[in-house]
Structure formats: C-alpha cells, structure tokens
Amino acid sequence: MSYGQTPSQTVGPFFHFALPDEKLETLVTGQTKGERIDIEGRIVDGDGAPLPDALIEIWQANSEGRYDHAEDKQEKALDPTFHGWGRSATDMDGKFRFHTIKPGPVPGPGNTLQAPHVNVTVLARGMLKHLVTRLYFEGEKLNADDPILARINEPERRGTLIAKKSGGKYVFDIVLQGDNETVFFDV
C-alpha cells in the first residue's frame, strides 16, 4: 500500500511552553565584546495588522565577523560569551526585540566582504514555510558593496532590509506581503 508524501502543515499555534522567555532575546553578557545594540520591530501582514503570535529567530556573527559554528574556519577570534543566536516571540502588537551586539563583516561570495548583518527567520501560524531575510544597519558603509544586497534586482526594495537607527536602537519592521513587503530569500 502506498501512502504518498505527508501533506504540508502550517506552523503553530505555538504552545507557550515552547516559546522563548526574555533570556533568549538577550544574546550578550557583561563580558561580551563589541558594540551593544537593541533591535526592535514589528511584524505586520499585508493589511498592516500586527501578528501577535509570530516567532523571530536571529543568527549573527560576533563583533569580529566570525560565527560560533564549526564550519567558520576564519582566524578571527571567537568570543566564548557570545553564541550569536536568539529567539523572540511577538507580543499582541506584533512587536519583537533583541539585545545583542553589532556584528562584524563576514566573507562573501567570490572573496568579497559582506556588510554587517543579522540573519532573520520568521515563523508564524498560517505560513506553510518559514521566511528568511536579513537585517542590515543604516549608515553602514559596506552596505553599498554588499554582494547579497546587490542581488536584489529592484534597488528601491533593498531598503526593506535596512534597520533604521532611532533613539539609541535599530528599528526593523517586517512586512509579510503587499506594499513595502520585506525582501525574503529562497533558501
């Protein structure tokens, strides 16, 4: 008897015991090296309504530009107090937040240098597949030559990946569809 493939399932609803607590929103300790930053934002749907039950995961390099991962063989220093991974659930207004450091630049394709960035994954009820994007930093000189940003064919859409500096923090809103939709990558 053949049963075929298992059908696709949506993510969620999330069980509260599986959601992160505030400890996973904070990637730094008192000994972590680098410029401390706060990242805050909202996730909204195509109508601009907040998603109160989404989950955001981030993965980033340390302040030297090295990932805490066995496959990152760069000779840059590892920081034993920084692992570069965090998770935040959105609140009723679709808001999320992270306390981290500004990452250093990392190697890119063809011996290029990528601008400092944070890799972002979005999971939410009703989505058949998680979404992957990046957060770059407003005012970063390396943004102009970043090989991944350059692959976005519509230059005006690159701005959807730039976190704006506001009141001592970086603000990064994620729009799932419609006008000003965030650029997502097919990975």
C-alpha atoms as a PDB file:
ATOM      1  CA  MET A   1       0.000   0.000   0.000  1.00  0.00           C
ATOM      2  CA  SER A   2       1.372   3.436  -0.927  1.00  0.00           C
ATOM      3  CA  TYR A   3       0.573   6.405   1.256  1.00  0.00           C
ATOM      4  CA  GLY A   4       2.400   9.119  -0.704  1.00  0.00           C
ATOM      5  CA  GLN A   5       4.019  12.132   0.862  1.00  0.00           C
ATOM      6  CA  THR A   6       2.999  13.681   4.128  1.00  0.00           C
ATOM      7  CA  PRO A   7       0.971  16.846   3.380  1.00  0.00           C
ATOM      8  CA  SER A   8       2.396  20.231   4.263  1.00  0.00           C
ATOM      9  CA  GLN A   9       1.371  21.633   7.633  1.00  0.00           C
ATOM     10  CA  THR A  10       1.216  25.196   8.886  1.00  0.00           C
ATOM     11  CA  VAL A  11       3.306  26.322  11.818  1.00  0.00           C
ATOM     12  CA  GLY A  12       1.501  26.807  15.132  1.00  0.00           C
ATOM     13  CA  PRO A  13      -0.387  27.672  17.076  1.00  0.00           C
ATOM     14  CA  PHE A  14       2.654  27.817  19.296  1.00  0.00           C
ATOM     15  CA  PHE A  15       2.485  26.174  22.676  1.00  0.00           C
ATOM     16  CA  HIS A  16       3.513  28.690  25.292  1.00  0.00           C
ATOM     17  CA  PHE A  17       5.989  26.359  26.982  1.00  0.00           C
ATOM     18  CA  ALA A  18       7.902  26.159  23.678  1.00  0.00           C
ATOM     19  CA  LEU A  19       8.115  29.924  23.282  1.00  0.00           C
ATOM     20  CA  PRO A  20      11.170  31.805  24.381  1.00  0.00           C
ATOM     21  CA  ASP A  21      11.468  33.772  27.525  1.00  0.00           C
ATOM     22  CA  GLU A  22      13.288  37.071  27.690  1.00  0.00           C
ATOM     23  CA  LYS A  23      16.600  35.267  28.196  1.00  0.00           C
ATOM     24  CA  LEU A  24      16.628  34.197  24.542  1.00  0.00           C
ATOM     25  CA  GLU A  25      16.088  37.812  23.422  1.00  0.00           C
ATOM     26  CA  THR A  26      19.363  38.761  25.107  1.00  0.00           C
ATOM     27  CA  LEU A  27      22.423  37.453  23.292  1.00  0.00           C
ATOM     28  CA  VAL A  28      25.018  39.324  25.368  1.00  0.00           C
ATOM     29  CA  THR A  29      26.517  39.075  28.824  1.00  0.00           C
ATOM     30  CA  GLY A  30      28.522  41.628  30.779  1.00  0.00           C
ATOM     31  CA  GLN A  31      31.704  40.196  29.250  1.00  0.00           C
ATOM     32  CA  THR A  32      30.609  40.084  25.593  1.00  0.00           C
ATOM     33  CA  LYS A  33      32.907  42.046  23.298  1.00  0.00           C
ATOM     34  CA  GLY A  34      31.505  44.577  20.845  1.00  0.00           C
ATOM     35  CA  GLU A  35      29.092  47.458  20.493  1.00  0.00           C
ATOM     36  CA  ARG A  36      25.862  46.645  22.304  1.00  0.00           C
ATOM     37  CA  ILE A  37      22.719  47.353  20.324  1.00  0.00           C
ATOM     38  CA  ASP A  38      18.992  46.854  20.691  1.00  0.00           C
ATOM     39  CA  ILE A  39      16.924  45.713  17.730  1.00  0.00           C
ATOM     40  CA  GLU A  40      13.182  46.244  17.869  1.00  0.00           C
ATOM     41  CA  GLY A  41      10.482  45.880  15.281  1.00  0.00           C
ATOM     42  CA  ARG A  42       7.014  44.738  14.352  1.00  0.00           C
ATOM     43  CA  ILE A  43       5.699  42.036  12.080  1.00  0.00           C
ATOM     44  CA  VAL A  44       2.622  43.000  10.113  1.00  0.00           C
ATOM     45  CA  ASP A  45       0.529  41.255   7.478  1.00  0.00           C
ATOM     46  CA  GLY A  46      -0.446  42.636   4.079  1.00  0.00           C
ATOM     47  CA  ASP A  47      -3.175  44.798   5.625  1.00  0.00           C
ATOM     48  CA  GLY A  48      -0.807  46.284   8.194  1.00  0.00           C
ATOM     49  CA  ALA A  49      -2.313  44.266  11.045  1.00  0.00           C
ATOM     50  CA  PRO A  50       0.182  43.034  13.665  1.00  0.00           C
ATOM     51  CA  LEU A  51       0.980  39.326  14.047  1.00  0.00           C
ATOM     52  CA  PRO A  52       0.680  38.649  17.786  1.00  0.00           C
ATOM     53  CA  ASP A  53       1.845  35.033  17.599  1.00  0.00           C
ATOM     54  CA  ALA A  54       4.912  35.033  15.355  1.00  0.00           C
ATOM     55  CA  LEU A  55       8.357  33.820  16.301  1.00  0.00           C
ATOM     56  CA  ILE A  56      11.584  35.514  15.185  1.00  0.00           C
ATOM     57  CA  GLU A  57      14.947  33.774  15.264  1.00  0.00           C
ATOM     58  CA  ILE A  58      18.231  35.521  14.565  1.00  0.00           C
ATOM     59  CA  TRP A  59      21.715  34.225  13.815  1.00  0.00           C
ATOM     60  CA  GLN A  60      24.711  36.500  13.504  1.00  0.00           C
ATOM     61  CA  ALA A  61      28.487  36.752  13.604  1.00  0.00           C
ATOM     62  CA  ASN A  62      30.323  38.202  16.584  1.00  0.00           C
ATOM     63  CA  SER A  63      31.867  41.671  16.620  1.00  0.00           C
ATOM     64  CA  GLU A  64      34.961  40.318  14.815  1.00  0.00           C
ATOM     65  CA  GLY A  65      32.836  38.895  11.981  1.00  0.00           C
ATOM     66  CA  ARG A  66      33.071  35.223  12.948  1.00  0.00           C
ATOM     67  CA  TYR A  67      30.192  32.820  13.532  1.00  0.00           C
ATOM     68  CA  ASP A  68      30.206  30.477  16.524  1.00  0.00           C
ATOM     69  CA  HIS A  69      29.959  27.489  14.208  1.00  0.00           C
ATOM     70  CA  ALA A  70      32.346  24.634  13.439  1.00  0.00           C
ATOM     71  CA  GLU A  71      32.314  25.428   9.711  1.00  0.00           C
ATOM     72  CA  ASP A  72      33.520  29.007  10.231  1.00  0.00           C
ATOM     73  CA  LYS A  73      37.271  28.425   9.956  1.00  0.00           C
ATOM     74  CA  GLN A  74      38.335  32.085   9.883  1.00  0.00           C
ATOM     75  CA  GLU A  75      41.298  33.037  12.022  1.00  0.00           C
ATOM     76  CA  LYS A  76      39.254  35.767  13.689  1.00  0.00           C
ATOM     77  CA  ALA A  77      38.736  35.456  17.438  1.00  0.00           C
ATOM     78  CA  LEU A  78      35.759  33.636  18.903  1.00  0.00           C
ATOM     79  CA  ASP A  79      34.036  35.220  21.879  1.00  0.00           C
ATOM     80  CA  PRO A  80      33.155  32.485  24.406  1.00  0.00           C
ATOM     81  CA  THR A  81      30.411  34.729  25.849  1.00  0.00           C
ATOM     82  CA  PHE A  82      28.606  35.200  22.519  1.00  0.00           C
ATOM     83  CA  HIS A  83      26.923  32.457  20.503  1.00  0.00           C
ATOM     84  CA  GLY A  84      25.033  34.622  18.011  1.00  0.00           C
ATOM     85  CA  TRP A  85      21.597  33.002  18.224  1.00  0.00           C
ATOM     86  CA  GLY A  86      18.398  34.376  19.710  1.00  0.00           C
ATOM     87  CA  ARG A  87      14.639  33.982  19.632  1.00  0.00           C
ATOM     88  CA  SER A  88      11.781  36.383  20.339  1.00  0.00           C
ATOM     89  CA  ALA A  89       8.038  35.927  20.265  1.00  0.00           C
ATOM     90  CA  THR A  90       5.906  38.842  19.130  1.00  0.00           C
ATOM     91  CA  ASP A  91       3.543  40.491  21.589  1.00  0.00           C
ATOM     92  CA  MET A  92      -0.079  41.498  20.958  1.00  0.00           C
ATOM     93  CA  ASP A  93       1.119  44.460  18.866  1.00  0.00           C
ATOM     94  CA  GLY A  94       3.383  42.263  16.730  1.00  0.00           C
ATOM     95  CA  LYS A  95       6.499  43.664  18.429  1.00  0.00           C
ATOM     96  CA  PHE A  96       9.748  41.790  18.989  1.00  0.00           C
ATOM     97  CA  ARG A  97      13.117  42.807  20.466  1.00  0.00           C
ATOM     98  CA  PHE A  98      16.700  41.637  20.816  1.00  0.00           C
ATOM     99  CA  HIS A  99      19.649  42.815  22.923  1.00  0.00           C
ATOM    100  CA  THR A 100      22.822  41.927  21.052  1.00  0.00           C
ATOM    101  CA  ILE A 101      25.995  43.361  19.545  1.00  0.00           C
ATOM    102  CA  LYS A 102      26.616  44.843  16.133  1.00  0.00           C
ATOM    103  CA  PRO A 103      28.205  42.047  14.095  1.00  0.00           C
ATOM    104  CA  GLY A 104      31.414  42.482  12.148  1.00  0.00           C
ATOM    105  CA  PRO A 105      31.657  41.991   8.382  1.00  0.00           C
ATOM    106  CA  VAL A 106      31.926  38.399   7.136  1.00  0.00           C
ATOM    107  CA  PRO A 107      33.378  36.892   3.952  1.00  0.00           C
ATOM    108  CA  GLY A 108      31.053  36.729   0.976  1.00  0.00           C
ATOM    109  CA  PRO A 109      30.944  35.009  -2.388  1.00  0.00           C
ATOM    110  CA  GLY A 110      33.982  35.418  -4.635  1.00  0.00           C
ATOM    111  CA  ASN A 111      36.308  36.849  -1.961  1.00  0.00           C
ATOM    112  CA  THR A 112      34.001  39.777  -1.312  1.00  0.00           C
ATOM    113  CA  LEU A 113      33.161  41.211   2.085  1.00  0.00           C
ATOM    114  CA  GLN A 114      29.560  41.248   3.323  1.00  0.00           C
ATOM    115  CA  ALA A 115      28.305  44.213   5.304  1.00  0.00           C
ATOM    116  CA  PRO A 116      27.482  43.592   8.962  1.00  0.00           C
ATOM    117  CA  HIS A 117      24.090  41.902   9.040  1.00  0.00           C
ATOM    118  CA  VAL A 118      21.804  39.666  11.070  1.00  0.00           C
ATOM    119  CA  ASN A 119      20.104  36.629   9.526  1.00  0.00           C
ATOM    120  CA  VAL A 120      16.394  36.592  10.380  1.00  0.00           C
ATOM    121  CA  THR A 121      13.891  33.713  10.252  1.00  0.00           C
ATOM    122  CA  VAL A 122      10.144  34.304  10.660  1.00  0.00           C
ATOM    123  CA  LEU A 123       7.739  31.552  11.725  1.00  0.00           C
ATOM    124  CA  ALA A 124       4.021  32.156  12.153  1.00  0.00           C
ATOM    125  CA  ARG A 125       0.705  30.360  12.215  1.00  0.00           C
ATOM    126  CA  GLY A 126      -0.767  30.083   8.742  1.00  0.00           C
ATOM    127  CA  MET A 127       2.585  30.077   6.943  1.00  0.00           C
ATOM    128  CA  LEU A 128       3.443  26.799   5.242  1.00  0.00           C
ATOM    129  CA  LYS A 129       7.146  27.624   5.198  1.00  0.00           C
ATOM    130  CA  HIS A 130       9.311  29.853   7.366  1.00  0.00           C
ATOM    131  CA  LEU A 131      10.599  33.069   5.820  1.00  0.00           C
ATOM    132  CA  VAL A 132      14.250  34.066   5.704  1.00  0.00           C
ATOM    133  CA  THR A 133      15.561  37.599   5.379  1.00  0.00           C
ATOM    134  CA  ARG A 134      18.424  39.775   6.549  1.00  0.00           C
ATOM    135  CA  LEU A 135      18.756  42.887   8.641  1.00  0.00           C
ATOM    136  CA  TYR A 136      21.420  45.402   7.611  1.00  0.00           C
ATOM    137  CA  PHE A 137      22.298  48.575   9.520  1.00  0.00           C
ATOM    138  CA  GLU A 138      21.506  52.103   8.390  1.00  0.00           C
ATOM    139  CA  GLY A 139      24.619  54.169   7.706  1.00  0.00           C
ATOM    140  CA  GLU A 140      26.929  51.155   7.307  1.00  0.00           C
ATOM    141  CA  LYS A 141      29.494  51.965   4.587  1.00  0.00           C
ATOM    142  CA  LEU A 142      29.794  48.340   3.450  1.00  0.00           C
ATOM    143  CA  ASN A 143      26.076  48.213   2.515  1.00  0.00           C
ATOM    144  CA  ALA A 144      26.884  49.884  -0.822  1.00  0.00           C
ATOM    145  CA  ASP A 145      29.086  46.958  -1.914  1.00  0.00           C
ATOM    146  CA  ASP A 146      27.374  44.053  -0.155  1.00  0.00           C
ATOM    147  CA  PRO A 147      27.107  41.179  -2.673  1.00  0.00           C
ATOM    148  CA  ILE A 148      23.780  39.915  -1.283  1.00  0.00           C
ATOM    149  CA  LEU A 149      22.092  43.332  -1.261  1.00  0.00           C
ATOM    150  CA  ALA A 150      23.373  43.808  -4.823  1.00  0.00           C
ATOM    151  CA  ARG A 151      21.489  40.678  -5.930  1.00  0.00           C
ATOM    152  CA  ILE A 152      18.157  42.368  -5.242  1.00  0.00           C
ATOM    153  CA  ASN A 153      17.157  43.484  -8.742  1.00  0.00           C
ATOM    154  CA  GLU A 154      14.922  46.339  -7.597  1.00  0.00           C
ATOM    155  CA  PRO A 155      17.215  48.778  -5.733  1.00  0.00           C
ATOM    156  CA  GLU A 156      14.264  50.505  -4.025  1.00  0.00           C
ATOM    157  CA  ARG A 157      13.367  47.212  -2.310  1.00  0.00           C
ATOM    158  CA  ARG A 158      16.817  46.954  -0.685  1.00  0.00           C
ATOM    159  CA  GLY A 159      15.593  49.486   1.870  1.00  0.00           C
ATOM    160  CA  THR A 160      13.228  46.861   3.323  1.00  0.00           C
ATOM    161  CA  LEU A 161      16.340  45.146   4.723  1.00  0.00           C
ATOM    162  CA  ILE A 162      17.847  48.232   6.364  1.00  0.00           C
ATOM    163  CA  ALA A 163      17.209  48.719  10.096  1.00  0.00           C
ATOM    164  CA  LYS A 164      16.822  52.427  10.887  1.00  0.00           C
ATOM    165  CA  LYS A 165      18.648  53.974  13.828  1.00  0.00           C
ATOM    166  CA  SER A 166      16.107  55.602  16.154  1.00  0.00           C
ATOM    167  CA  GLY A 167      16.589  56.751  19.732  1.00  0.00           C
ATOM    168  CA  GLY A 168      19.580  54.544  20.500  1.00  0.00           C
ATOM    169  CA  LYS A 169      18.174  51.379  18.921  1.00  0.00           C
ATOM    170  CA  TYR A 170      17.723  49.880  15.479  1.00  0.00           C
ATOM    171  CA  VAL A 171      14.148  49.532  14.245  1.00  0.00           C
ATOM    172  CA  PHE A 172      13.422  46.750  11.763  1.00  0.00           C
ATOM    173  CA  ASP A 173       9.801  46.156  10.739  1.00  0.00           C
ATOM    174  CA  ILE A 174       8.888  43.063   8.751  1.00  0.00           C
ATOM    175  CA  VAL A 175       6.020  43.322   6.257  1.00  0.00           C
ATOM    176  CA  LEU A 176       4.851  39.886   5.104  1.00  0.00           C
ATOM    177  CA  GLN A 177       3.172  40.945   1.863  1.00  0.00           C
ATOM    178  CA  GLY A 178       1.751  43.863  -0.070  1.00  0.00           C
ATOM    179  CA  ASP A 179       3.124  47.390  -0.272  1.00  0.00           C
ATOM    180  CA  ASN A 180       6.655  47.687   1.091  1.00  0.00           C
ATOM    181  CA  GLU A 181       6.914  43.893   1.524  1.00  0.00           C
ATOM    182  CA  THR A 182      10.195  42.841   3.109  1.00  0.00           C
ATOM    183  CA  VAL A 183      12.559  41.047   0.745  1.00  0.00           C
ATOM    184  CA  PHE A 184      12.675  37.348   1.611  1.00  0.00           C
ATOM    185  CA  PHE A 185      15.246  34.877   0.304  1.00  0.00           C
ATOM    186  CA  ASP A 186      14.549  31.476  -1.225  1.00  0.00           C
ATOM    187  CA  VAL A 187      16.850  29.208   0.768  1.00  0.00           C
END
